[in-house]
C-alpha atoms as a PDB file:
ATOM      1  CA  MET A   1       1.658  14.249-114.429  1.00  0.00           C
ATOM      2  CA  SER A   2       3.602  16.895-116.404  1.00  0.00           C
ATOM      3  CA  THR A   3       6.856  18.649-114.653  1.00  0.00           C
ATOM      4  CA  THR A   4       4.768  21.959-114.072  1.00  0.00           C
ATOM      5  CA  THR A   5       1.894  19.737-112.119  1.00  0.00           C
ATOM      6  CA  ILE A   6       4.580  18.751-109.853  1.00  0.00           C
ATOM      7  CA  VAL A   7       6.961  21.549-109.308  1.00  0.00           C
ATOM      8  CA  ALA A   8       3.063  23.631-108.835  1.00  0.00           C
ATOM      9  CA  ILE A   9       2.329  20.440-106.438  1.00  0.00           C
ATOM     10  CA  VAL A  10       5.540  20.763-104.528  1.00  0.00           C
ATOM     11  CA  VAL A  11       5.206  24.906-104.556  1.00  0.00           C
ATOM     12  CA  VAL A  12       2.102  24.813-103.578  1.00  0.00           C
ATOM     13  CA  ALA A  13       2.923  22.504-100.219  1.00  0.00           C
ATOM     14  CA  LEU A  14       5.948  24.706 -99.432  1.00  0.00           C
ATOM     15  CA  VAL A  15       3.642  27.710 -99.001  1.00  0.00           C
ATOM     16  CA  VAL A  16       1.333  25.743 -97.157  1.00  0.00           C
ATOM     17  CA  ALA A  17       3.933  24.341 -94.634  1.00  0.00           C
ATOM     18  CA  ALA A  18       5.300  27.792 -94.302  1.00  0.00           C
ATOM     19  CA  ILE A  19       1.920  29.440 -93.726  1.00  0.00           C
ATOM     20  CA  ALA A  20       1.653  26.575 -90.819  1.00  0.00           C
ATOM     21  CA  VAL A  21       5.360  27.674 -89.186  1.00  0.00           C
ATOM     22  CA  VAL A  22       4.354  31.146 -89.241  1.00  0.00           C
ATOM     23  CA  LEU A  23       1.550  30.657 -87.376  1.00  0.00           C
ATOM     24  CA  PHE A  24       2.787  27.568 -85.056  1.00  0.00           C
ATOM     25  CA  ILE A  25       5.528  30.814 -84.287  1.00  0.00           C
ATOM     26  CA  ASN A  26       3.064  33.213 -83.481  1.00  0.00           C
ATOM     27  CA  THR A  27       0.812  31.434 -81.465  1.00  0.00           C
ATOM     28  CA  ARG A  28       3.557  30.172 -79.396  1.00  0.00           C
ATOM     29  CA  ARG A  29       5.207  33.529 -79.284  1.00  0.00           C
ATOM     30  CA  SER A  30       1.303  35.018 -77.764  1.00  0.00           C
ATOM     31  CA  GLN A  31       1.197  31.933 -75.907  1.00  0.00           C
ATOM     32  CA  ARG A  32       4.641  32.771 -74.161  1.00  0.00           C
ATOM     33  CA  LEU A  33       3.838  36.526 -73.696  1.00  0.00           C
ATOM     34  CA  ARG A  34       0.607  35.798 -72.422  1.00  0.00           C
ATOM     35  CA  THR A  35       2.333  33.773 -70.159  1.00  0.00           C
ATOM     36  CA  ARG A  36       4.717  36.005 -68.513  1.00  0.00           C
ATOM     37  CA  PHE A  37       2.526  39.123 -68.653  1.00  0.00           C
ATOM     38  CA  GLY A  38      -0.442  37.931 -67.349  1.00  0.00           C
ATOM     39  CA  PRO A  39      -3.122  40.510 -66.467  1.00  0.00           C
ATOM     40  CA  GLU A  40      -0.549  43.189 -68.390  1.00  0.00           C
ATOM     41  CA  TYR A  41      -0.698  41.340 -71.659  1.00  0.00           C
ATOM     42  CA  GLY A  42      -4.595  41.950 -71.773  1.00  0.00           C
ATOM     43  CA  ARG A  43      -3.951  45.696 -70.674  1.00  0.00           C
ATOM     44  CA  ALA A  44      -1.220  45.810 -73.816  1.00  0.00           C
ATOM     45  CA  LEU A  45      -3.871  45.009 -75.870  1.00  0.00           C
ATOM     46  CA  GLU A  46      -6.840  47.049 -74.957  1.00  0.00           C
ATOM     47  CA  GLU A  47      -4.483  50.026 -75.019  1.00  0.00           C
ATOM     48  CA  THR A  48      -3.369  49.441 -78.625  1.00  0.00           C
ATOM     49  CA  GLY A  49      -6.645  47.708 -79.964  1.00  0.00           C
ATOM     50  CA  SER A  50      -4.542  45.510 -81.844  1.00  0.00           C
ATOM     51  CA  LYS A  51      -2.606  41.887 -81.184  1.00  0.00           C
ATOM     52  CA  ALA A  52       0.488  42.336 -83.584  1.00  0.00           C
ATOM     53  CA  GLN A  53       0.749  46.046 -81.748  1.00  0.00           C
ATOM     54  CA  ALA A  54       0.326  44.844 -78.685  1.00  0.00           C
ATOM     55  CA  GLU A  55       2.780  41.860 -78.704  1.00  0.00           C
ATOM     56  CA  ALA A  56       5.075  44.276 -80.169  1.00  0.00           C
ATOM     57  CA  LYS A  57       4.525  46.584 -76.959  1.00  0.00           C
ATOM     58  CA  LEU A  58       5.631  43.756 -74.611  1.00  0.00           C
ATOM     59  CA  GLU A  59       8.281  42.708 -76.787  1.00  0.00           C
ATOM     60  CA  LYS A  60       9.752  46.546 -76.846  1.00  0.00           C
ATOM     61  CA  LEU A  61       9.316  46.734 -72.804  1.00  0.00           C
ATOM     62  CA  GLU A  62      10.915  43.098 -72.685  1.00  0.00           C
ATOM     63  CA  ARG A  63      13.998  43.966 -74.263  1.00  0.00           C
ATOM     64  CA  ARG A  64      14.275  47.391 -72.102  1.00  0.00           C
ATOM     65  CA  VAL A  65      13.753  45.505 -68.865  1.00  0.00           C
ATOM     66  CA  ASP A  66      16.313  43.018 -69.936  1.00  0.00           C
ATOM     67  CA  ARG A  67      19.077  45.792 -70.528  1.00  0.00           C
ATOM     68  CA  PHE A  68      18.378  46.998 -66.236  1.00  0.00           C
ATOM     69  CA  ASP A  69      21.076  45.437 -64.181  1.00  0.00           C
ATOM     70  CA  LEU A  70      18.645  44.209 -61.763  1.00  0.00           C
ATOM     71  CA  LYS A  71      19.826  42.892 -58.403  1.00  0.00           C
ATOM     72  CA  PRO A  72      18.909  41.954 -55.408  1.00  0.00           C
ATOM     73  CA  LEU A  73      18.887  43.657 -52.674  1.00  0.00           C
ATOM     74  CA  THR A  74      21.588  43.584 -49.928  1.00  0.00           C
ATOM     75  CA  PRO A  75      20.838  41.739 -46.243  1.00  0.00           C
ATOM     76  CA  VAL A  76      21.603  45.022 -44.756  1.00  0.00           C
ATOM     77  CA  VAL A  77      19.622  47.093 -47.402  1.00  0.00           C
ATOM     78  CA  ARG A  78      16.468  44.664 -47.229  1.00  0.00           C
ATOM     79  CA  ALA A  79      16.668  45.124 -43.694  1.00  0.00           C
ATOM     80  CA  ASN A  80      16.864  49.287 -43.617  1.00  0.00           C
ATOM     81  CA  PHE A  81      14.253  48.656 -46.043  1.00  0.00           C
ATOM     82  CA  LEU A  82      12.051  46.649 -43.788  1.00  0.00           C
ATOM     83  CA  ALA A  83      12.287  48.549 -40.878  1.00  0.00           C
ATOM     84  CA  ALA A  84      11.479  51.726 -43.066  1.00  0.00           C
ATOM     85  CA  TRP A  85       8.623  50.239 -43.990  1.00  0.00           C
ATOM     86  CA  GLN A  86       7.351  48.827 -40.918  1.00  0.00           C
ATOM     87  CA  LYS A  87       7.374  52.803 -39.332  1.00  0.00           C
ATOM     88  CA  ILE A  88       5.356  53.646 -42.347  1.00  0.00           C
ATOM     89  CA  GLN A  89       2.690  50.604 -41.455  1.00  0.00           C
ATOM     90  CA  ALA A  90       2.709  51.800 -37.792  1.00  0.00           C
ATOM     91  CA  ARG A  91       2.527  55.753 -38.571  1.00  0.00           C
ATOM     92  CA  PHE A  92      -0.861  54.584 -40.721  1.00  0.00           C
ATOM     93  CA  VAL A  93      -2.787  54.143 -37.146  1.00  0.00           C
ATOM     94  CA  ASP A  94      -2.292  58.107 -36.531  1.00  0.00           C
ATOM     95  CA  ASP A  95      -1.868  59.177 -39.866  1.00  0.00           C
ATOM     96  CA  PRO A  96      -2.975  57.097 -43.017  1.00  0.00           C
ATOM     97  CA  LYS A  97      -2.148  59.840 -45.992  1.00  0.00           C
ATOM     98  CA  ILE A  98       1.130  60.602 -44.415  1.00  0.00           C
ATOM     99  CA  ALA A  99       1.705  57.131 -44.461  1.00  0.00           C
ATOM    100  CA  VAL A 100       0.357  55.820 -47.788  1.00  0.00           C
ATOM    101  CA  THR A 101       2.224  58.871 -49.430  1.00  0.00           C
ATOM    102  CA  GLU A 102       5.623  57.877 -47.790  1.00  0.00           C
ATOM    103  CA  ALA A 103       4.475  54.071 -48.509  1.00  0.00           C
ATOM    104  CA  ASP A 104       4.737  55.409 -52.213  1.00  0.00           C
ATOM    105  CA  LYS A 105       7.467  57.002 -51.999  1.00  0.00           C
ATOM    106  CA  LEU A 106       9.581  54.039 -50.608  1.00  0.00           C
ATOM    107  CA  ILE A 107       8.171  51.672 -53.389  1.00  0.00           C
ATOM    108  CA  GLN A 108      10.055  54.407 -55.758  1.00  0.00           C
ATOM    109  CA  GLU A 109      13.120  53.966 -53.298  1.00  0.00           C
ATOM    110  CA  ILE A 110      13.056  49.867 -53.487  1.00  0.00           C
ATOM    111  CA  MET A 111      12.908  50.395 -57.004  1.00  0.00           C
ATOM    112  CA  ALA A 112      15.712  52.425 -57.675  1.00  0.00           C
ATOM    113  CA  ALA A 113      17.794  50.224 -55.253  1.00  0.00           C
ATOM    114  CA  ARG A 114      17.153  47.048 -56.934  1.00  0.00           C
ATOM    115  CA  GLY A 115      17.911  48.845 -60.275  1.00  0.00           C
ATOM    116  CA  TYR A 116      14.725  49.783 -62.147  1.00  0.00           C
ATOM    117  CA  PRO A 117      15.059  53.223 -63.196  1.00  0.00           C
ATOM    118  CA  VAL A 118      12.210  55.463 -61.417  1.00  0.00           C
ATOM    119  CA  THR A 119      10.917  57.776 -63.688  1.00  0.00           C
ATOM    120  CA  ASP A 120       6.835  58.557 -64.538  1.00  0.00           C
ATOM    121  CA  PHE A 121       4.096  55.834 -62.938  1.00  0.00           C
ATOM    122  CA  GLU A 122       3.417  54.585 -66.209  1.00  0.00           C
ATOM    123  CA  GLN A 123       6.600  53.398 -67.316  1.00  0.00           C
ATOM    124  CA  ARG A 124       7.691  52.211 -63.771  1.00  0.00           C
ATOM    125  CA  ALA A 125       4.136  50.124 -63.603  1.00  0.00           C
ATOM    126  CA  SER A 126       5.578  48.568 -67.003  1.00  0.00           C
ATOM    127  CA  ASP A 127       8.933  48.130 -65.721  1.00  0.00           C
ATOM    128  CA  ILE A 128       7.613  45.845 -62.799  1.00  0.00           C
ATOM    129  CA  SER A 129       5.089  43.883 -65.444  1.00  0.00           C
ATOM    130  CA  VAL A 130       8.280  42.097 -67.049  1.00  0.00           C
ATOM    131  CA  ASN A 131       9.309  40.274 -63.868  1.00  0.00           C
ATOM    132  CA  HIS A 132       6.146  40.788 -61.849  1.00  0.00           C
ATOM    133  CA  PRO A 133       3.641  40.633 -63.885  1.00  0.00           C
ATOM    134  CA  LEU A 134       0.751  39.200 -61.385  1.00  0.00           C
ATOM    135  CA  ILE A 135       2.069  42.028 -58.585  1.00  0.00           C
ATOM    136  CA  VAL A 136       2.241  45.199 -61.022  1.00  0.00           C
ATOM    137  CA  GLU A 137      -1.826  45.161 -60.729  1.00  0.00           C
ATOM    138  CA  HIS A 138      -1.499  45.684 -56.674  1.00  0.00           C
ATOM    139  CA  TYR A 139       0.797  48.780 -57.515  1.00  0.00           C
ATOM    140  CA  ARG A 140      -1.320  50.442 -60.232  1.00  0.00           C
ATOM    141  CA  ALA A 141      -4.260  49.810 -57.729  1.00  0.00           C
ATOM    142  CA  GLY A 142      -2.174  51.508 -54.785  1.00  0.00           C
ATOM    143  CA  HIS A 143      -1.300  53.921 -57.088  1.00  0.00           C
ATOM    144  CA  ASP A 144      -5.114  55.035 -58.186  1.00  0.00           C
ATOM    145  CA  ILE A 145      -6.018  55.138 -54.530  1.00  0.00           C
ATOM    146  CA  ALA A 146      -2.985  57.500 -53.533  1.00  0.00           C
ATOM    147  CA  LEU A 147      -4.457  59.586 -56.881  1.00  0.00           C
ATOM    148  CA  ASP A 148      -7.610  59.658 -55.070  1.00  0.00           C
ATOM    149  CA  HIS A 149      -6.019  60.820 -51.893  1.00  0.00           C
ATOM    150  CA  ALA A 150      -4.474  63.569 -53.163  1.00  0.00           C
ATOM    151  CA  LYS A 151      -7.960  65.041 -54.608  1.00  0.00           C
ATOM    152  CA  GLY A 152      -9.668  64.252 -51.558  1.00  0.00           C
ATOM    153  CA  ARG A 153     -11.402  61.786 -52.468  1.00  0.00           C
ATOM    154  CA  ALA A 154     -10.021  58.727 -50.809  1.00  0.00           C
ATOM    155  CA  THR A 155     -11.261  57.207 -47.278  1.00  0.00           C
ATOM    156  CA  THR A 156      -9.614  55.599 -44.355  1.00  0.00           C
ATOM    157  CA  GLU A 157     -10.495  52.060 -45.520  1.00  0.00           C
ATOM    158  CA  ASP A 158      -9.748  53.252 -49.018  1.00  0.00           C
ATOM    159  CA  LEU A 159      -6.198  53.921 -47.861  1.00  0.00           C
ATOM    160  CA  ARG A 160      -6.079  51.379 -45.606  1.00  0.00           C
ATOM    161  CA  GLN A 161      -6.646  48.902 -49.310  1.00  0.00           C
ATOM    162  CA  ALA A 162      -3.816  51.436 -50.722  1.00  0.00           C
ATOM    163  CA  MET A 163      -1.383  50.155 -47.824  1.00  0.00           C
ATOM    164  CA  ILE A 164      -2.448  46.683 -48.673  1.00  0.00           C
ATOM    165  CA  HIS A 165      -1.470  47.080 -52.396  1.00  0.00           C
ATOM    166  CA  TYR A 166       1.553  48.410 -51.357  1.00  0.00           C
ATOM    167  CA  ARG A 167       2.811  45.645 -49.298  1.00  0.00           C
ATOM    168  CA  THR A 168       1.999  43.196 -51.630  1.00  0.00           C
ATOM    169  CA  LEU A 169       4.574  45.176 -53.801  1.00  0.00           C
ATOM    170  CA  PHE A 170       7.029  46.258 -51.198  1.00  0.00           C
ATOM    171  CA  ALA A 171       7.217  42.203 -50.302  1.00  0.00           C
ATOM    172  CA  GLU A 172       7.695  41.026 -53.590  1.00  0.00           C
ATOM    173  CA  LEU A 173      10.464  43.745 -54.270  1.00  0.00           C
ATOM    174  CA  ALA A 174      12.588  43.035 -51.059  1.00  0.00           C
ATOM    175  CA  GLY A 175      12.488  39.327 -51.222  1.00  0.00           C
ATOM    176  CA  GLU A 176      10.053  39.122 -48.417  1.00  0.00           C
ATOM    177  CA  PRO A 177       6.853  36.822 -49.391  1.00  0.00           C
ATOM    178  CA  GLU A 178       6.656  35.877 -45.729  1.00  0.00           C
ATOM    179  CA  LEU A 179       5.472  39.994 -45.306  1.00  0.00           C
ATOM    180  CA  VAL A 180       2.404  39.295 -47.111  1.00  0.00           C
ATOM    181  CA  ARG A 181       1.140  35.892 -46.082  1.00  0.00           C
ATOM    182  CA  SER A 182       1.796  36.780 -42.322  1.00  0.00           C
ATOM    183  CA  LYS A 183      -0.217  39.744 -42.043  1.00  0.00           C
ATOM    184  CA  THR A 184      -3.087  37.677 -44.948  1.00  0.00           C
ATOM    185  CA  ALA A 185      -2.674  35.256 -42.140  1.00  0.00           C
ATOM    186  CA  GLN A 186      -3.789  37.081 -39.422  1.00  0.00           C
ATOM    187  CA  ALA A 187      -6.311  39.240 -41.208  1.00  0.00           C
ATOM    188  CA  GLY A 188      -7.929  35.974 -41.959  1.00  0.00           C
ATOM    189  CA  ARG A 189      -7.765  34.870 -37.731  1.00  0.00           C
ATOM    190  CA  ALA A 190      -9.356  38.393 -36.916  1.00  0.00           C
END
Protein backbone atom coordinates (compact mmCIF):
# COMPACT_ATOMS: atom_id res chain seq x y z
CA MET A 1 0.00 0.00 0.00
CA SER A 2 1.27 3.40 -0.88
CA THR A 3 1.61 6.28 1.55
CA THR A 4 -1.08 8.18 -0.31
CA THR A 5 -3.54 5.31 0.15
CA ILE A 6 -2.75 5.08 3.87
CA VAL A 7 -3.18 8.84 4.30
CA ALA A 8 -6.50 8.71 2.40
CA ILE A 9 -7.76 5.87 4.62
CA VAL A 10 -6.75 7.77 7.78
CA VAL A 11 -8.42 10.96 6.54
CA VAL A 12 -11.63 9.09 5.68
CA ALA A 13 -11.56 7.38 9.09
CA LEU A 14 -11.09 10.74 10.83
CA VAL A 15 -13.94 12.31 8.84
CA VAL A 16 -16.25 9.37 9.67
CA ALA A 17 -15.25 9.62 13.36
CA ALA A 18 -15.86 13.38 13.36
CA ILE A 19 -19.29 12.92 11.79
CA ALA A 20 -20.12 10.24 14.37
CA VAL A 21 -19.08 12.56 17.21
CA VAL A 22 -21.15 15.46 15.83
CA LEU A 23 -24.18 13.20 15.42
CA PHE A 24 -23.75 11.86 18.96
CA ILE A 25 -23.45 15.38 20.42
CA ASN A 26 -26.50 16.59 18.49
CA THR A 27 -28.54 13.57 19.60
CA ARG A 28 -27.58 14.14 23.24
CA ARG A 29 -28.42 17.84 22.90
CA SER A 30 -31.83 17.01 21.46
CA GLN A 31 -32.52 14.46 24.19
CA ARG A 32 -31.50 16.92 26.92
CA LEU A 33 -33.73 19.66 25.53
CA ARG A 34 -36.64 17.27 25.00
CA THR A 35 -36.32 16.08 28.60
CA ARG A 36 -35.91 19.55 30.06
CA PHE A 37 -38.71 21.24 28.11
CA GLY A 38 -41.19 18.41 27.71
CA PRO A 39 -44.22 19.66 25.75
CA GLU A 40 -42.53 23.01 25.13
CA TYR A 41 -39.99 21.23 22.90
CA GLY A 42 -42.82 20.19 20.58
CA ARG A 43 -44.33 23.67 20.74
CA ALA A 44 -41.00 25.25 19.72
CA LEU A 45 -40.62 22.72 16.90
CA GLU A 46 -44.12 23.50 15.66
CA GLU A 47 -43.57 27.26 15.86
CA THR A 48 -40.24 27.27 14.05
CA GLY A 49 -40.76 24.34 11.69
CA SER A 50 -37.12 23.37 12.16
CA LYS A 51 -35.43 21.18 14.74
CA ALA A 52 -32.25 23.29 14.61
CA GLN A 53 -34.18 26.56 15.02
CA ALA A 54 -36.36 25.13 17.80
CA GLU A 55 -33.35 23.89 19.72
CA ALA A 56 -31.51 27.17 19.24
CA LYS A 57 -34.58 29.01 20.53
CA LEU A 58 -34.82 26.77 23.60
CA GLU A 59 -31.11 27.09 24.36
CA LYS A 60 -31.39 30.88 24.08
CA LEU A 61 -34.34 30.74 26.49
CA GLU A 62 -32.29 28.61 28.92
CA ARG A 63 -29.49 31.19 28.88
CA ARG A 64 -32.02 33.99 29.43
CA VAL A 65 -33.61 32.31 32.44
CA ASP A 66 -30.22 31.30 33.87
CA ARG A 67 -29.46 35.03 34.21
CA PHE A 68 -32.54 35.59 36.41
CA ASP A 69 -32.12 35.78 40.16
CA LEU A 70 -34.78 33.15 40.89
CA LYS A 71 -35.41 32.49 44.54
CA PRO A 72 -37.84 30.58 46.70
CA LEU A 73 -40.45 32.51 48.62
CA THR A 74 -39.78 33.32 52.25
CA PRO A 75 -42.22 31.66 54.67
CA VAL A 76 -43.97 35.00 55.34
CA VAL A 77 -44.33 35.85 51.65
CA ARG A 78 -45.51 32.29 50.89
CA ALA A 79 -48.12 32.53 53.66
CA ASN A 80 -49.35 35.87 52.25
CA PHE A 81 -49.68 34.38 48.77
CA LEU A 82 -51.50 31.33 50.12
CA ALA A 83 -53.94 33.57 52.00
CA ALA A 84 -54.52 35.62 48.85
CA TRP A 85 -55.09 32.44 46.83
CA GLN A 86 -57.61 31.12 49.34
CA LYS A 87 -59.53 34.41 49.19
CA ILE A 88 -59.61 34.20 45.40
CA GLN A 89 -60.86 30.61 45.52
CA ALA A 90 -63.56 31.56 48.03
CA ARG A 91 -64.60 34.49 45.81
CA PHE A 92 -65.10 32.07 42.92
CA VAL A 93 -68.35 30.81 44.45
CA ASP A 94 -69.97 34.25 44.28
CA ASP A 95 -68.14 35.79 41.33
CA PRO A 96 -66.18 33.35 39.14
CA LYS A 97 -65.37 36.01 36.56
CA ILE A 98 -63.62 38.29 39.05
CA ALA A 99 -61.88 35.32 40.69
CA VAL A 100 -60.29 34.19 37.42
CA THR A 101 -59.07 37.72 36.69
CA GLU A 102 -57.60 37.97 40.20
CA ALA A 103 -56.00 34.53 39.88
CA ASP A 104 -54.25 35.61 36.69
CA LYS A 105 -52.94 38.72 38.45
CA LEU A 106 -51.79 36.69 41.47
CA ILE A 107 -49.82 34.36 39.18
CA GLN A 108 -48.00 37.40 37.79
CA GLU A 109 -47.32 38.67 41.32
CA ILE A 110 -45.90 35.37 42.53
CA MET A 111 -43.74 35.12 39.41
CA ALA A 112 -42.35 38.58 40.12
CA ALA A 113 -41.73 37.66 43.76
CA ARG A 114 -39.80 34.56 42.63
CA GLY A 115 -37.63 36.69 40.33
CA TYR A 116 -39.24 36.21 36.92
CA PRO A 117 -39.59 39.40 34.88
CA VAL A 118 -43.27 39.98 34.30
CA THR A 119 -43.53 40.91 30.65
CA ASP A 120 -46.09 39.84 28.05
CA PHE A 121 -47.84 36.51 28.49
CA GLU A 122 -45.88 34.57 25.86
CA GLN A 123 -42.56 35.62 27.39
CA ARG A 124 -43.80 34.72 30.91
CA ALA A 125 -44.95 31.32 29.71
CA SER A 126 -41.65 30.72 27.90
CA ASP A 127 -39.67 31.74 30.98
CA ILE A 128 -41.71 29.44 33.22
CA SER A 129 -41.23 26.55 30.77
CA VAL A 130 -37.50 26.37 31.49
CA ASN A 131 -37.93 25.26 35.11
CA HIS A 132 -41.57 24.10 35.05
CA PRO A 133 -42.04 22.43 31.65
CA LEU A 134 -45.04 20.32 32.59
CA ILE A 135 -46.82 23.02 34.56
CA VAL A 136 -46.59 25.68 31.85
CA GLU A 137 -49.35 23.93 29.92
CA HIS A 138 -51.68 24.70 32.83
CA TYR A 139 -50.68 28.34 32.62
CA ARG A 140 -51.37 28.45 28.90
CA ALA A 141 -54.74 26.71 29.29
CA GLY A 142 -55.82 28.98 32.15
CA HIS A 143 -54.75 32.06 30.25
CA ASP A 144 -56.61 30.95 27.11
CA ILE A 145 -59.79 30.61 29.16
CA ALA A 146 -59.18 34.02 30.73
CA LEU A 147 -58.91 35.50 27.23
CA ASP A 148 -62.18 33.80 26.25
CA HIS A 149 -63.72 35.21 29.43
CA ALA A 150 -62.58 38.73 28.46
CA LYS A 151 -64.42 38.26 25.15
CA GLY A 152 -67.54 36.99 26.93
CA ARG A 153 -67.12 33.46 25.59
CA ALA A 154 -66.31 31.50 28.79
CA THR A 155 -68.88 29.49 30.70
CA THR A 156 -68.79 29.03 34.45
CA GLU A 157 -67.39 25.55 33.86
CA ASP A 158 -64.65 27.05 31.69
CA LEU A 159 -63.83 29.49 34.49
CA ARG A 160 -63.71 26.60 36.97
CA GLN A 161 -61.23 24.84 34.70
CA ALA A 162 -59.15 28.03 34.51
CA MET A 163 -59.01 28.14 38.30
CA ILE A 164 -57.83 24.52 38.39
CA HIS A 165 -55.10 25.33 35.86
CA TYR A 166 -54.05 28.44 37.76
CA ARG A 167 -54.06 26.53 41.06
CA THR A 168 -51.65 23.98 39.63
CA LEU A 169 -49.20 26.68 38.52
CA PHE A 170 -49.70 28.65 41.74
CA ALA A 171 -48.93 25.57 43.86
CA GLU A 172 -45.77 24.91 41.88
CA LEU A 173 -44.53 28.50 42.14
CA ALA A 174 -45.45 28.74 45.82
CA GLY A 175 -43.69 25.45 46.57
CA GLU A 176 -46.98 24.01 47.79
CA PRO A 177 -47.58 20.86 45.70
CA GLU A 178 -49.83 19.46 48.46
CA LEU A 179 -52.30 22.23 47.58
CA VAL A 180 -52.94 20.47 44.27
CA ARG A 181 -52.74 16.94 45.69
CA SER A 182 -55.24 17.62 48.47
CA LYS A 183 -57.71 19.29 46.08
CA THR A 184 -57.34 16.44 43.58
CA ALA A 185 -57.94 13.84 46.30
CA GLN A 186 -61.04 15.72 47.50
CA ALA A 187 -62.40 15.88 43.96
CA GLY A 188 -61.83 12.13 43.55
CA ARG A 189 -63.89 11.37 46.66
CA ALA A 190 -66.79 13.58 45.60
